[in-house]
């Protein structure tokens, strides 16, 4: 008597969209004042780019971390348009 083929494996849950995964991805980040989280980045830039960003921060009378945060926020807002 021939054997029945095994049933097909169950499909896993559908893959989530990036916007659905993002809250879980940052849930472990440190919460700070307001609706913000603190994220730590280490970036490697050409020295000339790092100097240009630092000069930009000085002209804006801010620090480099604040300037980079503004640039990242503006990039996200621009991509939503």
Protein backbone atom coordinates (compact mmCIF):
# COMPACT_ATOMS: atom_id res chain seq x y z
CA UNK A 1 0.00 0.00 0.00
CA UNK A 2 1.57 3.34 -1.03
CA UNK A 3 2.14 5.95 1.61
CA UNK A 4 0.41 9.29 1.52
CA UNK A 5 2.74 12.19 0.89
CA UNK A 6 3.35 14.30 3.99
CA UNK A 7 1.21 17.42 4.30
CA UNK A 8 2.86 20.61 3.07
CA UNK A 9 4.63 22.52 5.83
CA UNK A 10 2.66 25.29 7.45
CA UNK A 11 3.55 28.67 6.12
CA UNK A 12 4.91 30.96 8.79
CA UNK A 13 3.37 34.31 9.53
CA UNK A 14 3.59 36.82 6.72
CA UNK A 15 6.63 39.01 6.70
CA UNK A 16 5.92 42.34 8.31
CA UNK A 17 6.48 45.64 6.63
CA UNK A 18 9.43 47.76 7.79
CA UNK A 19 7.05 50.25 9.42
CA UNK A 20 5.55 47.41 11.46
CA UNK A 21 8.97 46.08 12.51
CA UNK A 22 10.49 49.44 13.46
CA UNK A 23 8.76 49.88 16.86
CA UNK A 24 10.03 46.49 18.02
CA UNK A 25 13.50 47.21 16.68
CA UNK A 26 13.87 50.36 18.78
CA UNK A 27 11.94 49.19 21.83
CA UNK A 28 15.19 48.36 23.61
CA UNK A 29 16.63 51.84 23.12
CA UNK A 30 16.83 54.17 26.09
CA UNK A 31 13.77 56.43 26.39
CA UNK A 32 14.50 60.11 27.02
CA UNK A 33 12.39 63.24 27.49
CA UNK A 34 9.30 63.47 25.36
CA UNK A 35 8.61 60.86 22.73
CA UNK A 36 12.28 60.29 21.96
CA UNK A 37 14.85 57.53 22.29
CA UNK A 38 18.60 57.73 22.62
CA UNK A 39 20.47 55.83 19.91
CA UNK A 40 24.23 55.47 19.74
CA UNK A 41 25.92 55.39 16.34
CA UNK A 42 29.49 54.98 15.30
CA UNK A 43 30.14 56.18 11.78
CA UNK A 44 33.23 56.18 9.63
CA UNK A 45 33.47 59.20 7.40
CA UNK A 46 36.18 60.64 5.27
CA UNK A 47 38.07 63.24 7.28
CA UNK A 48 36.98 65.96 4.87
CA UNK A 49 33.31 65.09 5.44
CA UNK A 50 33.75 65.06 9.22
CA UNK A 51 35.46 68.47 9.03
CA UNK A 52 32.70 69.85 6.80
CA UNK A 53 30.00 68.62 9.20
CA UNK A 54 31.86 70.10 12.16
CA UNK A 55 32.23 73.45 10.38
CA UNK A 56 28.50 73.37 9.58
CA UNK A 57 27.72 72.72 13.25
CA UNK A 58 29.93 75.64 14.31
CA UNK A 59 28.21 77.95 11.81
CA UNK A 60 24.82 76.84 13.16
CA UNK A 61 26.08 77.39 16.71
CA UNK A 62 25.21 73.83 17.70
CA UNK A 63 27.15 70.66 18.35
CA UNK A 64 27.83 67.92 15.86
CA UNK A 65 25.46 65.40 17.47
CA UNK A 66 22.55 67.84 17.36
CA UNK A 67 23.32 68.72 13.75
CA UNK A 68 23.40 65.07 12.66
CA UNK A 69 20.11 64.45 14.49
CA UNK A 70 18.55 67.39 12.60
CA UNK A 71 19.87 66.04 9.29
CA UNK A 72 18.44 62.57 9.99
CA UNK A 73 15.06 63.96 11.07
CA UNK A 74 14.88 66.14 7.96
CA UNK A 75 15.72 63.14 5.76
CA UNK A 76 12.88 61.11 7.25
CA UNK A 77 10.41 63.99 6.87
CA UNK A 78 11.49 64.46 3.25
CA UNK A 79 10.98 60.75 2.49
CA UNK A 80 7.40 60.90 3.84
CA UNK A 81 6.41 63.56 1.30
